[in-house]
Amino acid sequence: MIVVMKADAKAKEISDVIAKVRSSGYVAHLAESDEGTIIGLVGESDTPLNVDDYTSMPGVARAERVKAGYKLASRAFHPRDSRVPLNGSHMGADKVLVIAGPCSVESRTQIIEIACAVKEAGATALRGGAFKPRTSPYSFQGHGEKGLQWLAEAREVTGLPVVTEVMDPGLVPMVCQYADVLQIGARNMQNFTLLNAAGESQHTVLLKRGMSSTITDLLMAAEYVLAHGNQRVMICERGIRTFETATRFTFDLNAIPVLKSQTHLPVIADPSHAIGLREHVEAVSMAAVAAGADGLILEVHPDPEAALSDGRQSVALDDFKVLMENVRRVAQAVGRTA
């Protein structure tokens, strides 16, 4: 349930509503809207929720139940777009931000070279996998903490914040020491123990949609992180499984405007994983920006054919520069920058 306060509600009236929420056994989350302060009631309690109990309180404009299972991620609770700080900019603001880097951190030299190149091309943040979930147990699994150390060094050299995947709840504290953004991959989207650990960390989280998950599933997963008071959450459309075999996955372009209408969280697109073919990554990137994506996360490699993982979908450094120029043109066409 949400309680919308009047625009001229006094501080005491707001605090009285919060006190009633807490005394009833629920947790109060606050957000601002053009109407006034919104107080969201979440959690479980033996005390029944009665709309009339709140509408009769001084300073309350109205109270209503939120039908969606995701309360804190819903626009009903948070009408304004959330903006997540990233390298002096904000994901979810007017500028389309680009996170770029290799699928896997292969060596110290490789990650620093790529970091310098993507920064020069205009990337906002550096991505790179230190721990790699692979379909085959015999494929390259990443360098672990050594890879995290190389990522941190690349950040020192370039100033780019680090986005890297965390796969296990027990690894969250260690990854937080090195990374600026915790990426939760598609295969872990419904790893609820991991989602709770990421929420408790209060670290910025980039949550990818599961390859067989609905939009509601994705937003419910985000709710786990938000429920811990961690509001720095970005969600990512990365392609879903369909009957189509011409591409690695099917990029769900529909999901971007639908997500933008249903949630206040920034929406990122991952064309690299979605299509899996580097020659089409640029076109899908531009389509995503035109559809309203707040950012892109792209795989870039100096020698894609020699990459230890996902080379087929990785864009070469020179091609990434061209991609960035074309993304800027599309962003400008839809009233944004990049």
C-alpha atoms as a PDB file:
ATOM      1  CA  MET A   1       0.000   0.000   0.000  1.00  0.00           C
ATOM      2  CA  ILE A   2       1.092   3.602  -0.558  1.00  0.00           C
ATOM      3  CA  VAL A   3       0.079   6.719   1.332  1.00  0.00           C
ATOM      4  CA  VAL A   4       0.298   9.959  -0.640  1.00  0.00           C
ATOM      5  CA  MET A   5       0.696  13.025   1.524  1.00  0.00           C
ATOM      6  CA  LYS A   6      -0.662  16.422   0.580  1.00  0.00           C
ATOM      7  CA  ALA A   7       1.808  18.832  -0.991  1.00  0.00           C
ATOM      8  CA  ASP A   8       1.546  21.104   2.065  1.00  0.00           C
ATOM      9  CA  ALA A   9       1.698  18.290   4.623  1.00  0.00           C
ATOM     10  CA  LYS A  10       3.630  19.236   7.745  1.00  0.00           C
ATOM     11  CA  ALA A  11       6.695  17.296   8.871  1.00  0.00           C
ATOM     12  CA  LYS A  12       4.822  16.105  11.968  1.00  0.00           C
ATOM     13  CA  GLU A  13       1.951  14.779   9.846  1.00  0.00           C
ATOM     14  CA  ILE A  14       4.417  12.791   7.749  1.00  0.00           C
ATOM     15  CA  SER A  15       6.193  11.469  10.826  1.00  0.00           C
ATOM     16  CA  ASP A  16       2.830  10.489  12.379  1.00  0.00           C
ATOM     17  CA  VAL A  17       2.020   8.355   9.341  1.00  0.00           C
ATOM     18  CA  ILE A  18       5.467   6.748   9.469  1.00  0.00           C
ATOM     19  CA  ALA A  19       5.005   6.013  13.168  1.00  0.00           C
ATOM     20  CA  LYS A  20       1.642   4.359  12.477  1.00  0.00           C
ATOM     21  CA  VAL A  21       3.210   2.242   9.715  1.00  0.00           C
ATOM     22  CA  ARG A  22       5.932   1.049  12.050  1.00  0.00           C
ATOM     23  CA  SER A  23       3.600   0.428  14.971  1.00  0.00           C
ATOM     24  CA  SER A  24       1.523  -1.776  12.672  1.00  0.00           C
ATOM     25  CA  GLY A  25       4.584  -3.914  11.964  1.00  0.00           C
ATOM     26  CA  TYR A  26       5.385  -2.674   8.457  1.00  0.00           C
ATOM     27  CA  VAL A  27       8.424  -0.914   6.998  1.00  0.00           C
ATOM     28  CA  ALA A  28       8.019   2.627   5.645  1.00  0.00           C
ATOM     29  CA  HIS A  29       9.861   3.706   2.492  1.00  0.00           C
ATOM     30  CA  LEU A  30       9.708   7.337   1.394  1.00  0.00           C
ATOM     31  CA  ALA A  31       9.703   8.807  -2.116  1.00  0.00           C
ATOM     32  CA  GLU A  32       8.888  12.202  -3.572  1.00  0.00           C
ATOM     33  CA  SER A  33       6.413  13.003  -6.330  1.00  0.00           C
ATOM     34  CA  ASP A  34       4.866  16.134  -7.820  1.00  0.00           C
ATOM     35  CA  GLU A  35       1.882  15.576  -5.524  1.00  0.00           C
ATOM     36  CA  GLY A  36       3.917  15.288  -2.338  1.00  0.00           C
ATOM     37  CA  THR A  37       5.727  12.744  -0.197  1.00  0.00           C
ATOM     38  CA  ILE A  38       4.787   9.118  -0.856  1.00  0.00           C
ATOM     39  CA  ILE A  39       5.097   6.582   1.952  1.00  0.00           C
ATOM     40  CA  GLY A  40       5.264   2.969   0.872  1.00  0.00           C
ATOM     41  CA  LEU A  41       4.240   0.188   3.261  1.00  0.00           C
ATOM     42  CA  VAL A  42       6.088  -3.088   2.731  1.00  0.00           C
ATOM     43  CA  GLY A  43       6.720  -6.236   4.709  1.00  0.00           C
ATOM     44  CA  GLU A  44       4.534  -8.706   6.552  1.00  0.00           C
ATOM     45  CA  SER A  45       2.491  -8.153   9.683  1.00  0.00           C
ATOM     46  CA  ASP A  46      -0.483  -9.628  11.492  1.00  0.00           C
ATOM     47  CA  THR A  47      -2.056  -6.169  11.433  1.00  0.00           C
ATOM     48  CA  PRO A  48      -4.465  -5.894   8.463  1.00  0.00           C
ATOM     49  CA  LEU A  49      -3.882  -3.002   6.063  1.00  0.00           C
ATOM     50  CA  ASN A  50      -6.904  -0.736   5.996  1.00  0.00           C
ATOM     51  CA  VAL A  51      -6.885   2.177   3.557  1.00  0.00           C
ATOM     52  CA  ASP A  52      -9.381   4.133   5.686  1.00  0.00           C
ATOM     53  CA  ASP A  53      -7.030   4.043   8.679  1.00  0.00           C
ATOM     54  CA  TYR A  54      -4.638   6.280   6.743  1.00  0.00           C
ATOM     55  CA  THR A  55      -6.956   8.457   4.631  1.00  0.00           C
ATOM     56  CA  SER A  56      -8.466   9.837   7.831  1.00  0.00           C
ATOM     57  CA  MET A  57      -5.091  11.035   9.143  1.00  0.00           C
ATOM     58  CA  PRO A  58      -4.155  14.737   8.927  1.00  0.00           C
ATOM     59  CA  GLY A  59      -2.034  15.640   5.905  1.00  0.00           C
ATOM     60  CA  VAL A  60      -2.942  12.536   3.893  1.00  0.00           C
ATOM     61  CA  ALA A  61      -4.223  13.115   0.356  1.00  0.00           C
ATOM     62  CA  ARG A  62      -5.067   9.495  -0.360  1.00  0.00           C
ATOM     63  CA  ALA A  63      -4.049   5.897   0.288  1.00  0.00           C
ATOM     64  CA  GLU A  64      -4.234   3.026  -2.181  1.00  0.00           C
ATOM     65  CA  ARG A  65      -3.126  -0.544  -2.573  1.00  0.00           C
ATOM     66  CA  VAL A  66      -0.370  -1.381  -5.060  1.00  0.00           C
ATOM     67  CA  LYS A  67      -1.517  -4.389  -7.045  1.00  0.00           C
ATOM     68  CA  ALA A  68       1.900  -5.266  -8.474  1.00  0.00           C
ATOM     69  CA  GLY A  69       3.972  -7.655  -6.392  1.00  0.00           C
ATOM     70  CA  TYR A  70       6.937  -5.320  -6.773  1.00  0.00           C
ATOM     71  CA  LYS A  71       6.131  -2.349  -4.547  1.00  0.00           C
ATOM     72  CA  LEU A  72       9.378  -0.382  -4.283  1.00  0.00           C
ATOM     73  CA  ALA A  73      10.275  -0.873  -7.952  1.00  0.00           C
ATOM     74  CA  SER A  74       6.859   0.322  -9.096  1.00  0.00           C
ATOM     75  CA  ARG A  75       6.155   3.754 -10.550  1.00  0.00           C
ATOM     76  CA  ALA A  76       3.068   3.887  -8.350  1.00  0.00           C
ATOM     77  CA  PHE A  77       5.383   4.241  -5.367  1.00  0.00           C
ATOM     78  CA  HIS A  78       8.122   6.240  -7.088  1.00  0.00           C
ATOM     79  CA  PRO A  79       6.688   8.264 -10.023  1.00  0.00           C
ATOM     80  CA  ARG A  80       9.939  10.092 -10.777  1.00  0.00           C
ATOM     81  CA  ASP A  81      12.801   8.393 -12.583  1.00  0.00           C
ATOM     82  CA  SER A  82      15.538   7.212 -10.245  1.00  0.00           C
ATOM     83  CA  ARG A  83      19.017   8.365 -11.139  1.00  0.00           C
ATOM     84  CA  VAL A  84      21.984   6.228 -10.165  1.00  0.00           C
ATOM     85  CA  PRO A  85      25.345   8.045  -9.845  1.00  0.00           C
ATOM     86  CA  LEU A  86      28.070   6.742 -12.141  1.00  0.00           C
ATOM     87  CA  ASN A  87      31.373   8.488 -12.779  1.00  0.00           C
ATOM     88  CA  GLY A  88      30.098  12.045 -12.392  1.00  0.00           C
ATOM     89  CA  SER A  89      26.958  11.334 -14.421  1.00  0.00           C
ATOM     90  CA  HIS A  90      23.672   9.623 -13.576  1.00  0.00           C
ATOM     91  CA  MET A  91      22.214   6.512 -15.162  1.00  0.00           C
ATOM     92  CA  GLY A  92      18.605   7.432 -15.813  1.00  0.00           C
ATOM     93  CA  ALA A  93      19.233  11.095 -16.617  1.00  0.00           C
ATOM     94  CA  ASP A  94      19.323  12.721 -20.075  1.00  0.00           C
ATOM     95  CA  LYS A  95      22.709  11.296 -21.047  1.00  0.00           C
ATOM     96  CA  VAL A  96      22.843   7.729 -22.345  1.00  0.00           C
ATOM     97  CA  LEU A  97      25.743   6.115 -20.487  1.00  0.00           C
ATOM     98  CA  VAL A  98      27.867   3.338 -21.969  1.00  0.00           C
ATOM     99  CA  ILE A  99      29.605   0.618 -19.949  1.00  0.00           C
ATOM    100  CA  ALA A 100      32.213  -1.172 -22.044  1.00  0.00           C
ATOM    101  CA  GLY A 101      35.000  -3.708 -21.709  1.00  0.00           C
ATOM    102  CA  PRO A 102      35.891  -7.353 -22.270  1.00  0.00           C
ATOM    103  CA  CYS A 103      33.778 -10.343 -21.343  1.00  0.00           C
ATOM    104  CA  SER A 104      36.695 -11.667 -19.276  1.00  0.00           C
ATOM    105  CA  VAL A 105      39.668  -9.995 -17.681  1.00  0.00           C
ATOM    106  CA  GLU A 106      42.437 -11.973 -19.377  1.00  0.00           C
ATOM    107  CA  SER A 107      45.539 -10.120 -18.169  1.00  0.00           C
ATOM    108  CA  ARG A 108      46.685  -6.899 -16.547  1.00  0.00           C
ATOM    109  CA  THR A 109      47.939  -5.521 -19.867  1.00  0.00           C
ATOM    110  CA  GLN A 110      44.728  -6.410 -21.691  1.00  0.00           C
ATOM    111  CA  ILE A 111      42.332  -4.760 -19.265  1.00  0.00           C
ATOM    112  CA  ILE A 112      44.356  -1.545 -18.984  1.00  0.00           C
ATOM    113  CA  GLU A 113      44.644  -1.297 -22.785  1.00  0.00           C
ATOM    114  CA  ILE A 114      40.898  -1.745 -23.200  1.00  0.00           C
ATOM    115  CA  ALA A 115      40.083   0.671 -20.356  1.00  0.00           C
ATOM    116  CA  CYS A 116      42.148   3.418 -21.971  1.00  0.00           C
ATOM    117  CA  ALA A 117      40.583   2.780 -25.381  1.00  0.00           C
ATOM    118  CA  VAL A 118      36.936   2.748 -24.255  1.00  0.00           C
ATOM    119  CA  LYS A 119      37.467   5.863 -22.150  1.00  0.00           C
ATOM    120  CA  GLU A 120      38.889   7.693 -25.142  1.00  0.00           C
ATOM    121  CA  ALA A 121      35.858   6.627 -27.192  1.00  0.00           C
ATOM    122  CA  GLY A 122      33.490   8.030 -24.552  1.00  0.00           C
ATOM    123  CA  ALA A 123      32.562   5.154 -22.252  1.00  0.00           C
ATOM    124  CA  THR A 124      31.400   6.057 -18.741  1.00  0.00           C
ATOM    125  CA  ALA A 125      32.428   2.842 -16.976  1.00  0.00           C
ATOM    126  CA  LEU A 126      34.537  -0.283 -17.473  1.00  0.00           C
ATOM    127  CA  ARG A 127      33.075  -3.783 -17.480  1.00  0.00           C
ATOM    128  CA  GLY A 128      35.064  -7.001 -17.135  1.00  0.00           C
ATOM    129  CA  GLY A 129      34.510 -10.446 -15.682  1.00  0.00           C
ATOM    130  CA  ALA A 130      36.852 -11.704 -12.979  1.00  0.00           C
ATOM    131  CA  PHE A 131      34.543 -14.649 -12.211  1.00  0.00           C
ATOM    132  CA  LYS A 132      32.930 -16.139 -15.304  1.00  0.00           C
ATOM    133  CA  PRO A 133      29.867 -18.408 -15.229  1.00  0.00           C
ATOM    134  CA  ARG A 134      30.333 -20.642 -18.275  1.00  0.00           C
ATOM    135  CA  THR A 135      28.081 -23.277 -19.773  1.00  0.00           C
ATOM    136  CA  SER A 136      30.994 -25.721 -19.861  1.00  0.00           C
ATOM    137  CA  PRO A 137      33.029 -26.434 -16.715  1.00  0.00           C
ATOM    138  CA  TYR A 138      36.081 -26.758 -18.967  1.00  0.00           C
ATOM    139  CA  SER A 139      35.866 -23.217 -20.361  1.00  0.00           C
ATOM    140  CA  PHE A 140      37.916 -20.325 -18.976  1.00  0.00           C
ATOM    141  CA  GLN A 141      36.412 -19.365 -15.616  1.00  0.00           C
ATOM    142  CA  GLY A 142      38.247 -16.098 -14.976  1.00  0.00           C
ATOM    143  CA  HIS A 143      41.176 -15.077 -12.776  1.00  0.00           C
ATOM    144  CA  GLY A 144      39.143 -14.416  -9.627  1.00  0.00           C
ATOM    145  CA  GLU A 145      40.589 -11.947  -7.140  1.00  0.00           C
ATOM    146  CA  LYS A 146      43.649 -11.345  -9.312  1.00  0.00           C
ATOM    147  CA  GLY A 147      41.280 -10.203 -12.055  1.00  0.00           C
ATOM    148  CA  LEU A 148      39.570  -7.867  -9.604  1.00  0.00           C
ATOM    149  CA  GLN A 149      42.945  -6.373  -8.715  1.00  0.00           C
ATOM    150  CA  TRP A 150      43.694  -5.744 -12.386  1.00  0.00           C
ATOM    151  CA  LEU A 151      40.299  -4.078 -12.797  1.00  0.00           C
ATOM    152  CA  ALA A 152      41.025  -1.825  -9.824  1.00  0.00           C
ATOM    153  CA  GLU A 153      44.357  -0.904 -11.357  1.00  0.00           C
ATOM    154  CA  ALA A 154      42.655  -0.056 -14.657  1.00  0.00           C
ATOM    155  CA  ARG A 155      40.326   2.232 -12.695  1.00  0.00           C
ATOM    156  CA  GLU A 156      43.339   3.974 -11.141  1.00  0.00           C
ATOM    157  CA  VAL A 157      44.825   4.544 -14.598  1.00  0.00           C
ATOM    158  CA  THR A 158      41.652   5.769 -16.320  1.00  0.00           C
ATOM    159  CA  GLY A 159      39.252   6.911 -13.606  1.00  0.00           C
ATOM    160  CA  LEU A 160      36.533   4.628 -15.001  1.00  0.00           C
ATOM    161  CA  PRO A 161      34.384   2.924 -12.341  1.00  0.00           C
ATOM    162  CA  VAL A 162      34.403  -0.871 -12.451  1.00  0.00           C
ATOM    163  CA  VAL A 163      31.373  -3.052 -13.207  1.00  0.00           C
ATOM    164  CA  THR A 164      31.931  -6.751 -12.578  1.00  0.00           C
ATOM    165  CA  GLU A 165      29.852  -9.831 -11.912  1.00  0.00           C
ATOM    166  CA  VAL A 166      29.479 -11.427  -8.497  1.00  0.00           C
ATOM    167  CA  MET A 167      28.290 -15.026  -8.493  1.00  0.00           C
ATOM    168  CA  ASP A 168      28.131 -16.062  -4.858  1.00  0.00           C
ATOM    169  CA  PRO A 169      26.745 -14.336  -1.732  1.00  0.00           C
ATOM    170  CA  GLY A 170      29.975 -15.129   0.106  1.00  0.00           C
ATOM    171  CA  LEU A 171      31.985 -13.223  -2.503  1.00  0.00           C
ATOM    172  CA  VAL A 172      29.992  -9.979  -2.197  1.00  0.00           C
ATOM    173  CA  PRO A 173      32.225  -8.379   0.497  1.00  0.00           C
ATOM    174  CA  MET A 174      35.392  -9.138  -1.462  1.00  0.00           C
ATOM    175  CA  VAL A 175      34.028  -7.913  -4.795  1.00  0.00           C
ATOM    176  CA  CYS A 176      32.800  -4.721  -3.101  1.00  0.00           C
ATOM    177  CA  GLN A 177      36.403  -3.963  -2.130  1.00  0.00           C
ATOM    178  CA  TYR A 178      37.388  -3.725  -5.795  1.00  0.00           C
ATOM    179  CA  ALA A 179      34.258  -2.940  -7.836  1.00  0.00           C
ATOM    180  CA  ASP A 180      31.980   0.090  -8.003  1.00  0.00           C
ATOM    181  CA  VAL A 181      28.994  -1.820  -9.385  1.00  0.00           C
ATOM    182  CA  LEU A 182      27.943  -5.395  -8.602  1.00  0.00           C
ATOM    183  CA  GLN A 183      26.591  -7.107 -11.684  1.00  0.00           C
ATOM    184  CA  ILE A 184      24.150  -9.952 -11.088  1.00  0.00           C
ATOM    185  CA  GLY A 185      24.055 -12.015 -14.252  1.00  0.00           C
ATOM    186  CA  ALA A 186      21.154 -13.609 -16.071  1.00  0.00           C
ATOM    187  CA  ARG A 187      21.814 -17.046 -14.604  1.00  0.00           C
ATOM    188  CA  ASN A 188      21.683 -15.600 -11.077  1.00  0.00           C
ATOM    189  CA  MET A 189      18.703 -13.270 -11.471  1.00  0.00           C
ATOM    190  CA  GLN A 190      16.621 -15.416  -9.132  1.00  0.00           C
ATOM    191  CA  ASN A 191      19.422 -16.357  -6.764  1.00  0.00           C
ATOM    192  CA  PHE A 192      17.556 -14.766  -3.881  1.00  0.00           C
ATOM    193  CA  THR A 193      20.361 -15.284  -1.372  1.00  0.00           C
ATOM    194  CA  LEU A 194      22.686 -13.369  -3.690  1.00  0.00           C
ATOM    195  CA  LEU A 195      20.080 -10.636  -4.247  1.00  0.00           C
ATOM    196  CA  ASN A 196      19.714 -10.203  -0.484  1.00  0.00           C
ATOM    197  CA  ALA A 197      23.480 -10.026  -0.016  1.00  0.00           C
ATOM    198  CA  ALA A 198      23.786  -7.423  -2.776  1.00  0.00           C
ATOM    199  CA  GLY A 199      20.981  -5.387  -1.226  1.00  0.00           C
ATOM    200  CA  GLU A 200      22.576  -5.499   2.205  1.00  0.00           C
ATOM    201  CA  SER A 201      25.912  -4.343   0.777  1.00  0.00           C
ATOM    202  CA  GLN A 202      24.397  -0.976  -0.246  1.00  0.00           C
ATOM    203  CA  HIS A 203      26.649  -1.176  -3.324  1.00  0.00           C
ATOM    204  CA  THR A 204      25.287  -0.129  -6.722  1.00  0.00           C
ATOM    205  CA  VAL A 205      23.717  -3.151  -8.453  1.00  0.00           C
ATOM    206  CA  LEU A 206      23.263  -3.913 -12.145  1.00  0.00           C
ATOM    207  CA  LEU A 207      20.669  -6.682 -12.424  1.00  0.00           C
ATOM    208  CA  LYS A 208      20.350  -8.593 -15.692  1.00  0.00           C
ATOM    209  CA  ARG A 209      17.129 -10.196 -16.868  1.00  0.00           C
ATOM    210  CA  GLY A 210      17.161 -13.984 -16.844  1.00  0.00           C
ATOM    211  CA  MET A 211      17.109 -15.570 -20.275  1.00  0.00           C
ATOM    212  CA  SER A 212      13.745 -17.238 -19.569  1.00  0.00           C
ATOM    213  CA  SER A 213      12.286 -14.629 -17.228  1.00  0.00           C
ATOM    214  CA  THR A 214       9.340 -12.310 -17.639  1.00  0.00           C
ATOM    215  CA  ILE A 215       9.450  -8.588 -17.029  1.00  0.00           C
ATOM    216  CA  THR A 216       7.549  -9.148 -13.785  1.00  0.00           C
ATOM    217  CA  ASP A 217      10.144 -11.733 -12.732  1.00  0.00           C
ATOM    218  CA  LEU A 218      12.890  -9.158 -13.329  1.00  0.00           C
ATOM    219  CA  LEU A 219      11.155  -6.448 -11.303  1.00  0.00           C
ATOM    220  CA  MET A 220      10.423  -8.866  -8.461  1.00  0.00           C
ATOM    221  CA  ALA A 221      14.142  -9.723  -8.390  1.00  0.00           C
ATOM    222  CA  ALA A 222      14.970  -6.012  -8.192  1.00  0.00           C
ATOM    223  CA  GLU A 223      12.517  -5.763  -5.297  1.00  0.00           C
ATOM    224  CA  TYR A 224      14.747  -8.065  -3.234  1.00  0.00           C
ATOM    225  CA  VAL A 225      17.598  -5.561  -3.505  1.00  0.00           C
ATOM    226  CA  LEU A 226      15.387  -2.523  -2.926  1.00  0.00           C
ATOM    227  CA  ALA A 227      13.797  -4.113   0.133  1.00  0.00           C
ATOM    228  CA  HIS A 228      17.129  -3.722   1.944  1.00  0.00           C
ATOM    229  CA  GLY A 229      17.041   0.040   1.428  1.00  0.00           C
ATOM    230  CA  ASN A 230      19.532  -0.139  -1.439  1.00  0.00           C
ATOM    231  CA  GLN A 231      18.088   2.246  -4.008  1.00  0.00           C
ATOM    232  CA  ARG A 232      21.061   2.196  -6.383  1.00  0.00           C
ATOM    233  CA  VAL A 233      19.686  -0.443  -8.726  1.00  0.00           C
ATOM    234  CA  MET A 234      19.890  -0.603 -12.535  1.00  0.00           C
ATOM    235  CA  ILE A 235      18.073  -3.279 -14.547  1.00  0.00           C
ATOM    236  CA  CYS A 236      19.280  -4.734 -17.828  1.00  0.00           C
ATOM    237  CA  GLU A 237      17.550  -6.302 -20.827  1.00  0.00           C
ATOM    238  CA  ARG A 238      20.015  -8.807 -22.310  1.00  0.00           C
ATOM    239  CA  GLY A 239      17.921 -10.977 -24.597  1.00  0.00           C
ATOM    240  CA  ILE A 240      15.637 -13.938 -23.932  1.00  0.00           C
ATOM    241  CA  ARG A 241      15.387 -17.491 -25.228  1.00  0.00           C
ATOM    242  CA  THR A 242      12.903 -18.037 -28.062  1.00  0.00           C
ATOM    243  CA  PHE A 243      12.582 -20.589 -30.866  1.00  0.00           C
ATOM    244  CA  GLU A 244      14.905 -18.437 -33.040  1.00  0.00           C
ATOM    245  CA  THR A 245      18.380 -19.891 -33.656  1.00  0.00           C
ATOM    246  CA  ALA A 246      19.870 -17.304 -36.014  1.00  0.00           C
ATOM    247  CA  THR A 247      21.141 -15.279 -33.047  1.00  0.00           C
ATOM    248  CA  ARG A 248      22.405 -16.191 -29.590  1.00  0.00           C
ATOM    249  CA  PHE A 249      19.232 -14.857 -27.939  1.00  0.00           C
ATOM    250  CA  THR A 250      16.327 -12.660 -29.034  1.00  0.00           C
ATOM    251  CA  PHE A 251      16.696  -9.031 -28.006  1.00  0.00           C
ATOM    252  CA  ASP A 252      13.400  -7.972 -26.431  1.00  0.00           C
ATOM    253  CA  LEU A 253      13.144  -4.401 -27.669  1.00  0.00           C
ATOM    254  CA  ASN A 254       9.562  -4.268 -26.357  1.00  0.00           C
ATOM    255  CA  ALA A 255      10.872  -4.674 -22.834  1.00  0.00           C
ATOM    256  CA  ILE A 256      12.579  -1.279 -22.785  1.00  0.00           C
ATOM    257  CA  PRO A 257       9.509   0.981 -23.141  1.00  0.00           C
ATOM    258  CA  VAL A 258       7.434  -1.421 -21.039  1.00  0.00           C
ATOM    259  CA  LEU A 259       9.993  -1.340 -18.229  1.00  0.00           C
ATOM    260  CA  LYS A 260      10.246   2.440 -18.474  1.00  0.00           C
ATOM    261  CA  SER A 261       6.482   2.654 -17.965  1.00  0.00           C
ATOM    262  CA  GLN A 262       6.326   0.204 -15.069  1.00  0.00           C
ATOM    263  CA  THR A 263       9.421   1.093 -13.030  1.00  0.00           C
ATOM    264  CA  HIS A 264      11.398   4.144 -12.049  1.00  0.00           C
ATOM    265  CA  LEU A 265      14.693   2.234 -12.160  1.00  0.00           C
ATOM    266  CA  PRO A 266      17.203   2.983 -14.940  1.00  0.00           C
ATOM    267  CA  VAL A 267      16.997   0.529 -17.843  1.00  0.00           C
ATOM    268  CA  ILE A 268      20.156  -0.672 -19.584  1.00  0.00           C
ATOM    269  CA  ALA A 269      20.443  -2.745 -22.778  1.00  0.00           C
ATOM    270  CA  ASP A 270      23.038  -5.453 -23.429  1.00  0.00           C
ATOM    271  CA  PRO A 271      23.141  -5.939 -27.230  1.00  0.00           C
ATOM    272  CA  SER A 272      26.297  -8.073 -27.052  1.00  0.00           C
ATOM    273  CA  HIS A 273      24.688 -10.996 -25.222  1.00  0.00           C
ATOM    274  CA  ALA A 274      21.311 -10.445 -26.829  1.00  0.00           C
ATOM    275  CA  ILE A 275      22.405 -11.025 -30.404  1.00  0.00           C
ATOM    276  CA  GLY A 276      25.815 -12.648 -29.979  1.00  0.00           C
ATOM    277  CA  LEU A 277      27.103 -11.432 -33.364  1.00  0.00           C
ATOM    278  CA  ARG A 278      29.460  -8.455 -33.318  1.00  0.00           C
ATOM    279  CA  GLU A 279      28.431  -7.230 -36.783  1.00  0.00           C
ATOM    280  CA  HIS A 280      24.894  -6.546 -35.498  1.00  0.00           C
ATOM    281  CA  VAL A 281      25.715  -5.114 -32.055  1.00  0.00           C
ATOM    282  CA  GLU A 282      25.780  -1.532 -33.363  1.00  0.00           C
ATOM    283  CA  ALA A 283      22.321  -1.758 -34.939  1.00  0.00           C
ATOM    284  CA  VAL A 284      20.773  -3.233 -31.794  1.00  0.00           C
ATOM    285  CA  SER A 285      22.530  -0.596 -29.671  1.00  0.00           C
ATOM    286  CA  MET A 286      20.994   2.199 -31.717  1.00  0.00           C
ATOM    287  CA  ALA A 287      17.567   0.570 -31.605  1.00  0.00           C
ATOM    288  CA  ALA A 288      17.782   0.271 -27.823  1.00  0.00           C
ATOM    289  CA  VAL A 289      18.641   3.950 -27.419  1.00  0.00           C
ATOM    290  CA  ALA A 290      15.809   4.931 -29.757  1.00  0.00           C
ATOM    291  CA  ALA A 291      13.424   2.813 -27.656  1.00  0.00           C
ATOM    292  CA  GLY A 292      14.400   4.693 -24.482  1.00  0.00           C
ATOM    293  CA  ALA A 293      17.291   2.775 -22.906  1.00  0.00           C
ATOM    294  CA  ASP A 294      19.184   4.821 -20.334  1.00  0.00           C
ATOM    295  CA  GLY A 295      22.450   3.041 -21.028  1.00  0.00           C
ATOM    296  CA  LEU A 296      24.287   0.279 -22.848  1.00  0.00           C
ATOM    297  CA  ILE A 297      26.671  -2.410 -21.632  1.00  0.00           C
ATOM    298  CA  LEU A 298      28.907  -3.672 -24.428  1.00  0.00           C
ATOM    299  CA  GLU A 299      31.684  -6.208 -24.836  1.00  0.00           C
ATOM    300  CA  VAL A 300      34.826  -4.792 -26.430  1.00  0.00           C
ATOM    301  CA  HIS A 301      38.127  -6.555 -27.152  1.00  0.00           C
ATOM    302  CA  PRO A 302      41.339  -5.574 -29.003  1.00  0.00           C
ATOM    303  CA  ASP A 303      41.406  -8.942 -30.815  1.00  0.00           C
ATOM    304  CA  PRO A 304      37.948 -10.549 -30.642  1.00  0.00           C
ATOM    305  CA  GLU A 305      39.007 -13.683 -32.516  1.00  0.00           C
ATOM    306  CA  ALA A 306      41.587 -14.423 -29.817  1.00  0.00           C
ATOM    307  CA  ALA A 307      39.308 -13.630 -26.833  1.00  0.00           C
ATOM    308  CA  LEU A 308      39.175 -16.283 -24.119  1.00  0.00           C
ATOM    309  CA  SER A 309      35.392 -15.910 -23.866  1.00  0.00           C
ATOM    310  CA  ASP A 310      32.565 -14.551 -26.041  1.00  0.00           C
ATOM    311  CA  GLY A 311      34.844 -13.300 -28.803  1.00  0.00           C
ATOM    312  CA  ARG A 312      32.102 -13.729 -31.415  1.00  0.00           C
ATOM    313  CA  GLN A 313      29.994 -11.018 -29.800  1.00  0.00           C
ATOM    314  CA  SER A 314      32.854  -8.680 -28.846  1.00  0.00           C
ATOM    315  CA  VAL A 315      33.360  -5.475 -30.827  1.00  0.00           C
ATOM    316  CA  ALA A 316      36.878  -4.461 -31.888  1.00  0.00           C
ATOM    317  CA  LEU A 317      38.261  -1.211 -30.474  1.00  0.00           C
ATOM    318  CA  ASP A 318      38.106   0.722 -33.761  1.00  0.00           C
ATOM    319  CA  ASP A 319      34.545  -0.473 -34.382  1.00  0.00           C
ATOM    320  CA  PHE A 320      33.585   0.624 -30.866  1.00  0.00           C
ATOM    321  CA  LYS A 321      34.595   4.198 -31.714  1.00  0.00           C
ATOM    322  CA  VAL A 322      32.286   4.172 -34.738  1.00  0.00           C
ATOM    323  CA  LEU A 323      29.500   2.615 -32.663  1.00  0.00           C
ATOM    324  CA  MET A 324      29.786   5.392 -30.079  1.00  0.00           C
ATOM    325  CA  GLU A 325      29.535   8.062 -32.772  1.00  0.00           C
ATOM    326  CA  ASN A 326      26.372   6.498 -34.200  1.00  0.00           C
ATOM    327  CA  VAL A 327      24.831   6.012 -30.756  1.00  0.00           C
ATOM    328  CA  ARG A 328      25.384   9.727 -30.099  1.00  0.00           C
ATOM    329  CA  ARG A 329      23.489  10.594 -33.276  1.00  0.00           C
ATOM    330  CA  VAL A 330      20.523   8.445 -32.295  1.00  0.00           C
ATOM    331  CA  ALA A 331      20.551   9.843 -28.746  1.00  0.00           C
ATOM    332  CA  GLN A 332      20.433  13.390 -30.110  1.00  0.00           C
ATOM    333  CA  ALA A 333      17.570  12.440 -32.430  1.00  0.00           C
ATOM    334  CA  VAL A 334      15.460  11.374 -29.441  1.00  0.00           C
ATOM    335  CA  GLY A 335      16.367  14.390 -27.330  1.00  0.00           C
ATOM    336  CA  ARG A 336      19.230  12.926 -25.304  1.00  0.00           C
ATOM    337  CA  THR A 337      23.006  12.990 -25.293  1.00  0.00           C
ATOM    338  CA  ALA A 338      25.617  10.214 -25.192  1.00  0.00           C
END
